[in-house]
Protein backbone atom coordinates (compact mmCIF):
# COMPACT_ATOMS: atom_id res chain seq x y z
CA MET A 1 -22.71 -8.43 14.09
CA CYS A 2 -20.27 -5.71 15.12
CA GLU A 3 -20.85 -2.54 13.37
CA ASN A 4 -16.67 -2.95 13.03
CA GLN A 5 -17.19 -6.33 11.47
CA PRO A 6 -17.04 -5.58 7.65
CA ARG A 7 -14.11 -3.13 7.54
CA GLU A 8 -12.63 -6.04 10.11
CA ASP A 9 -13.10 -8.17 7.17
CA ALA A 10 -12.05 -6.41 4.64
CA VAL A 11 -8.60 -5.86 6.07
CA ARG A 12 -8.29 -9.26 7.04
CA ARG A 13 -9.22 -10.20 3.32
CA VAL A 14 -6.34 -7.49 1.72
CA ILE A 15 -3.79 -9.02 4.17
CA GLU A 16 -4.68 -12.82 3.13
CA VAL A 17 -4.55 -11.54 -0.71
CA ILE A 18 -1.12 -10.17 -0.15
CA ALA A 19 0.51 -13.06 1.84
CA ARG A 20 -1.15 -15.62 -0.72
CA THR A 21 0.05 -13.61 -3.95
CA GLN A 22 3.41 -12.97 -2.38
CA LYS A 23 3.93 -16.71 -1.14
CA LEU A 24 4.54 -15.27 2.60
CA PRO A 25 3.74 -16.52 5.37
CA LEU A 26 0.26 -14.90 6.85
CA GLU A 27 1.82 -13.79 10.01
CA THR A 28 4.45 -11.83 8.40
CA VAL A 29 1.97 -9.33 6.86
CA THR A 30 0.81 -6.82 8.97
CA LEU A 31 -0.97 -3.48 8.71
CA ASP A 32 2.50 -1.67 9.61
CA LYS A 33 4.65 -3.39 6.95
CA THR A 34 5.43 -1.37 4.12
CA PHE A 35 5.92 -3.23 0.58
CA GLU A 36 9.35 -2.49 0.70
CA ASP A 37 9.67 -4.43 4.33
CA LEU A 38 8.00 -7.37 2.74
CA LYS A 39 10.07 -6.93 -0.63
CA ILE A 40 7.41 -6.43 -2.94
CA ASP A 41 8.53 -4.60 -6.04
CA SER A 42 6.33 -2.88 -8.49
CA LEU A 43 5.44 -5.80 -10.45
CA ASP A 44 4.54 -7.65 -7.63
CA GLY A 45 2.43 -4.69 -6.71
CA ILE A 46 0.58 -5.22 -10.03
CA ASN A 47 -0.07 -8.47 -9.11
CA ILE A 48 -1.32 -7.59 -6.01
CA LEU A 49 -3.93 -4.96 -7.30
CA PHE A 50 -5.26 -7.71 -9.69
CA ALA A 51 -5.81 -10.01 -6.87
CA LEU A 52 -7.50 -7.25 -4.53
CA GLU A 53 -9.94 -6.57 -7.84
CA SER A 54 -10.21 -9.75 -8.18
CA GLU A 55 -11.09 -10.41 -4.34
CA PHE A 56 -13.34 -7.78 -3.89
CA LYS A 57 -15.00 -7.52 -7.60
CA ILE A 58 -13.55 -3.70 -7.50
CA ASP A 59 -11.59 -1.64 -9.83
CA ILE A 60 -8.96 0.08 -8.47
CA PRO A 61 -8.01 3.51 -9.95
CA ASP A 62 -4.56 4.24 -11.34
CA GLU A 63 -3.76 7.04 -9.03
CA PRO A 64 -4.80 5.79 -5.54
CA ALA A 65 -2.80 2.37 -6.86
CA ARG A 66 0.18 4.56 -7.83
CA GLN A 67 -0.05 5.72 -4.29
CA MET A 68 -0.09 2.42 -2.73
CA ARG A 69 3.04 1.82 -0.78
CA SER A 70 1.95 -0.48 2.17
CA VAL A 71 -0.39 -3.05 3.29
CA HIS A 72 -2.50 -0.23 5.51
CA ASP A 73 -2.70 1.91 2.07
CA ALA A 74 -4.13 -1.31 0.37
CA ALA A 75 -6.57 -1.88 3.16
CA GLU A 76 -7.41 1.59 3.16
CA GLY A 77 -8.07 1.75 -0.05
CA VAL A 78 -10.32 -1.33 -0.53
CA LYS A 79 -12.39 -0.05 2.06
CA LYS A 80 -12.82 3.14 0.75
CA LEU A 81 -14.00 1.83 -2.34
CA LEU A 82 -16.35 -1.09 -0.87
CA GLY A 83 -18.00 2.20 0.99
CA LEU A 84 -16.66 1.23 4.44
CA VAL A 85 -15.02 4.53 5.02
CA PRO A 86 -15.84 8.08 4.06
CA THR A 87 -14.23 9.35 1.11
CA GLU A 88 -12.35 13.01 1.20
CA GLN A 89 -14.62 15.34 -0.08
């Protein structure tokens, strides 16, 4: 298995969760999209957070959750919580 595979799987699953939760076509949810681009409001964002926590069996702390504004932010946050990227000191 490729060294990057767990990270790529996590990103794919984040995108799938966002698409499924928001009932969006999968191909429209990409890492470069902001939640604003996808018409995701704060209530939708809360639903996405719960879905991500359930999907990955993690707890997303409040502060990082408040700073999440894009698909990329969500993917990076999940990867950090899963230990797939180094955390900042």
